[in-house]
Amino acid sequence: MFCDGACLGNPGPGGWGVLVHCGDRVVELAGASTHTTNNAMEILAATAGLQWILAHPEVELRVLVVKTDSSYVIQGASQWLSGWKQRGWVTREGAPVANQERWSELDRAMIDLQARGVRISWEHVRGHSGVAGNERVDQLARAAAGGDPYKLYDGSAADYFREQAGGDPSARYPRYVSWVGKRVAFHESW
C-alpha cells in the first residue's frame, strides 16, 4: 500500500491518496479536506488505506507493507503511539500530541488489522524520486487538495499496469518502473 498527503498552504486545503495492490487487484482512494495540515493528511491517507482493507474481508493478507514518504507517519505508527497512549496522549515533553484524533483513528485501524492476524510493516520511500506508487498517490493527494479532477482505479492489477504502460493491450505485467520526462514508465527489463 502506498499513501500520501498534501496541503496547499499549511494549514490550508488538503488532500490524500492511497494505492492498494493486493494480489491481482489494485484500488486507488483519495479525499480532501477544506482546512487542514500536511501532517493530518499524511495520517489520514494511511488510515483510509487500512480502513479500506478492513472493510474488504475478501482481501486476505498476512503482511501489509505500507510505503510512504512521511517519516512522521512511520515514526508515529511504529514508535511513538504506544508511549503517547501510556502517557495519556501527551509527548515526553508534556505537550498534547498534535493530531491526536487522527492518530487514534490510525491506531484503531492498526489494532483491528493486527487482530485479523495481519502484520503491518512501515517502509519509507523518498518523495519525488520516481517510485511509481508514491508518485501516483502524490498526484491523487495534490489533485484532491486543489479540487482538481482525478480518476480512481479499482480493478485488476494486470489492467492497471497495462493502462500505466500506455494502454497497449499486448503489454505484459511490468517488472521495472522509472520516472522519465515527468511521466511514469514501465519496463519488462532493465
Protein backbone atom coordinates (compact mmCIF):
# COMPACT_ATOMS: atom_id res chain seq x y z
CA MET A 1 0.00 0.00 0.00
CA PHE A 2 1.27 3.46 -0.91
CA CYS A 3 -0.16 6.52 0.84
CA ASP A 4 0.50 10.26 0.74
CA GLY A 5 -0.96 13.52 1.94
CA ALA A 6 -0.72 17.05 0.59
CA CYS A 7 -1.68 20.52 1.73
CA LEU A 8 -1.85 23.78 -0.21
CA GLY A 9 -0.59 26.09 2.48
CA ASN A 10 -0.06 24.64 5.90
CA PRO A 11 -2.77 24.94 7.12
CA GLY A 12 -4.95 25.12 4.04
CA PRO A 13 -6.93 22.85 1.73
CA GLY A 14 -5.55 19.33 1.84
CA GLY A 15 -5.86 16.00 0.13
CA TRP A 16 -4.73 12.42 0.44
CA GLY A 17 -4.18 9.48 -1.90
CA VAL A 18 -3.83 5.72 -1.44
CA LEU A 19 -2.93 2.86 -3.76
CA VAL A 20 -3.60 -0.67 -2.53
CA HIS A 21 -2.09 -3.52 -4.58
CA CYS A 22 -3.09 -6.92 -3.28
CA GLY A 23 -2.82 -9.99 -5.46
CA ASP A 24 -4.46 -9.24 -8.79
CA ARG A 25 -6.35 -6.18 -7.52
CA VAL A 26 -5.39 -2.52 -7.47
CA VAL A 27 -7.55 0.09 -5.80
CA GLU A 28 -6.95 3.83 -5.65
CA LEU A 29 -8.56 6.04 -2.99
CA ALA A 30 -8.47 9.80 -2.48
CA GLY A 31 -10.18 12.52 -0.50
CA ALA A 32 -9.92 16.13 0.58
CA SER A 33 -10.38 18.48 3.50
CA THR A 34 -11.03 22.20 3.23
CA HIS A 35 -8.83 23.30 6.16
CA THR A 36 -6.11 21.01 7.46
CA THR A 37 -2.38 20.42 7.69
CA ASN A 38 0.01 18.28 5.69
CA ASN A 39 0.70 16.00 8.67
CA ALA A 40 -3.01 15.44 9.26
CA MET A 41 -3.44 14.43 5.61
CA GLU A 42 -0.45 12.08 5.77
CA ILE A 43 -2.02 10.28 8.76
CA LEU A 44 -5.46 10.27 7.14
CA ALA A 45 -4.08 8.67 3.98
CA ALA A 46 -2.58 5.77 5.95
CA THR A 47 -5.77 5.40 7.97
CA ALA A 48 -8.02 5.43 4.90
CA GLY A 49 -5.98 2.65 3.30
CA LEU A 50 -6.10 0.47 6.41
CA GLN A 51 -9.82 1.11 6.82
CA TRP A 52 -10.46 0.13 3.20
CA ILE A 53 -8.65 -3.17 3.78
CA LEU A 54 -10.66 -3.74 6.97
CA ALA A 55 -13.91 -3.09 5.09
CA HIS A 56 -12.98 -5.71 2.47
CA PRO A 57 -12.50 -9.08 4.21
CA GLU A 58 -12.06 -10.75 0.82
CA VAL A 59 -8.61 -9.11 0.77
CA GLU A 60 -6.59 -11.76 2.56
CA LEU A 61 -3.30 -10.59 3.99
CA ARG A 62 -0.71 -11.84 6.41
CA VAL A 63 1.73 -8.96 5.90
CA LEU A 64 0.88 -5.43 4.81
CA VAL A 65 3.74 -3.20 3.69
CA VAL A 66 2.75 0.45 3.96
CA LYS A 67 5.01 2.68 1.86
CA THR A 68 5.05 6.40 2.49
CA ASP A 69 7.41 9.36 2.16
CA SER A 70 6.29 10.61 5.60
CA SER A 71 8.82 9.85 8.34
CA TYR A 72 6.31 11.45 10.72
CA VAL A 73 3.72 8.75 9.97
CA ILE A 74 6.25 5.92 10.10
CA GLN A 75 7.74 7.01 13.42
CA GLY A 76 4.35 7.82 14.91
CA ALA A 77 2.82 4.49 13.91
CA SER A 78 5.79 2.29 14.73
CA GLN A 79 7.49 4.08 17.64
CA TRP A 80 5.59 6.92 19.29
CA LEU A 81 1.98 5.69 19.54
CA SER A 82 2.44 3.31 22.45
CA GLY A 83 4.21 5.96 24.55
CA TRP A 84 1.62 8.60 23.74
CA LYS A 85 -1.18 6.30 24.84
CA GLN A 86 0.64 5.31 28.06
CA ARG A 87 1.15 8.99 28.92
CA GLY A 88 -2.47 9.93 28.17
CA TRP A 89 -1.79 11.42 24.73
CA VAL A 90 0.99 13.77 25.74
CA THR A 91 4.53 13.89 24.41
CA ARG A 92 7.62 13.19 26.51
CA GLU A 93 7.86 16.94 26.98
CA GLY A 94 4.32 17.04 28.40
CA ALA A 95 2.66 18.77 25.43
CA PRO A 96 -0.58 17.44 23.92
CA VAL A 97 0.02 15.17 20.92
CA ALA A 98 -0.69 17.02 17.68
CA ASN A 99 -3.33 15.33 15.51
CA GLN A 100 -4.45 13.10 18.38
CA GLU A 101 -7.80 12.32 16.75
CA ARG A 102 -6.09 11.24 13.52
CA TRP A 103 -3.54 9.15 15.42
CA SER A 104 -6.34 7.49 17.42
CA GLU A 105 -8.12 6.52 14.18
CA LEU A 106 -4.90 5.10 12.72
CA ASP A 107 -4.19 3.22 15.96
CA ARG A 108 -7.68 1.66 15.95
CA ALA A 109 -7.28 0.53 12.32
CA MET A 110 -3.86 -0.98 13.07
CA ILE A 111 -5.22 -2.82 16.12
CA ASP A 112 -8.15 -4.18 14.11
CA LEU A 113 -5.89 -5.41 11.30
CA GLN A 114 -3.49 -7.00 13.76
CA ALA A 115 -6.46 -8.77 15.40
CA ARG A 116 -7.08 -10.35 11.96
CA GLY A 117 -3.52 -11.68 12.01
CA VAL A 118 -2.07 -9.03 9.70
CA ARG A 119 1.45 -7.85 10.48
CA ILE A 120 1.95 -4.23 9.39
CA SER A 121 5.35 -3.14 8.17
CA TRP A 122 6.18 0.54 7.52
CA GLU A 123 8.60 1.44 4.75
CA HIS A 124 9.98 4.87 3.89
CA VAL A 125 10.23 5.86 0.23
CA ARG A 126 11.92 9.05 -0.79
CA GLY A 127 9.37 11.51 -2.16
CA HIS A 128 9.58 12.66 -5.77
CA SER A 129 12.24 10.05 -6.54
CA GLY A 130 10.42 8.19 -9.30
CA VAL A 131 8.82 5.42 -7.22
CA ALA A 132 5.70 4.88 -9.32
CA GLY A 133 3.27 4.09 -6.49
CA ASN A 134 4.46 7.05 -4.45
CA GLU A 135 4.27 9.37 -7.46
CA ARG A 136 0.69 8.24 -8.14
CA VAL A 137 -0.56 8.81 -4.59
CA ASP A 138 1.17 12.19 -4.59
CA GLN A 139 -0.74 13.08 -7.79
CA LEU A 140 -4.02 12.00 -6.22
CA ALA A 141 -3.35 13.91 -2.98
CA ARG A 142 -2.41 17.11 -4.81
CA ALA A 143 -5.39 16.88 -7.16
CA ALA A 144 -7.76 16.33 -4.24
CA ALA A 145 -6.21 19.23 -2.28
CA GLY A 146 -6.55 21.56 -5.27
CA GLY A 147 -10.07 20.47 -6.15
CA ASP A 148 -8.77 19.23 -9.50
CA PRO A 149 -10.44 16.30 -11.27
CA TYR A 150 -8.91 12.87 -10.83
CA LYS A 151 -9.90 9.37 -11.81
CA LEU A 152 -9.64 6.49 -9.34
CA TYR A 153 -8.91 2.94 -10.40
CA ASP A 154 -10.44 -0.25 -8.98
CA GLY A 155 -9.74 -3.41 -10.91
CA SER A 156 -7.19 -5.97 -11.98
CA ALA A 157 -3.50 -5.30 -11.44
CA ALA A 158 -2.68 -6.52 -14.94
CA ASP A 159 -5.09 -3.99 -16.49
CA TYR A 160 -3.88 -1.24 -14.17
CA PHE A 161 -0.25 -1.67 -15.13
CA ARG A 162 -1.19 -2.12 -18.79
CA GLU A 163 -3.03 1.25 -18.60
CA GLN A 164 0.01 2.80 -16.97
CA ALA A 165 2.12 1.41 -19.82
CA GLY A 166 0.06 3.42 -22.30
CA GLY A 167 -2.93 1.18 -22.87
CA ASP A 168 -1.08 -1.29 -25.08
CA PRO A 169 -3.17 -4.49 -24.77
CA SER A 170 -0.11 -6.61 -25.63
CA ALA A 171 1.94 -5.10 -22.77
CA ARG A 172 2.87 -7.68 -20.19
CA TYR A 173 2.95 -7.06 -16.46
CA PRO A 174 5.93 -4.70 -15.98
CA ARG A 175 8.81 -5.62 -13.74
CA TYR A 176 10.62 -2.26 -13.61
CA VAL A 177 9.33 1.25 -13.20
CA SER A 178 11.10 4.53 -13.93
CA TRP A 179 10.35 8.23 -14.00
CA VAL A 180 11.08 9.56 -17.49
CA GLY A 181 10.29 13.11 -18.63
CA LYS A 182 7.87 13.72 -15.74
CA ARG A 183 5.99 10.51 -16.57
CA VAL A 184 5.97 7.07 -15.03
CA ALA A 185 7.36 4.46 -17.44
CA PHE A 186 7.05 0.68 -17.08
CA HIS A 187 9.61 -1.77 -18.49
CA GLU A 188 9.91 -5.51 -18.99
CA SER A 189 13.65 -5.44 -18.30
CA TRP A 190 16.37 -3.16 -17.08
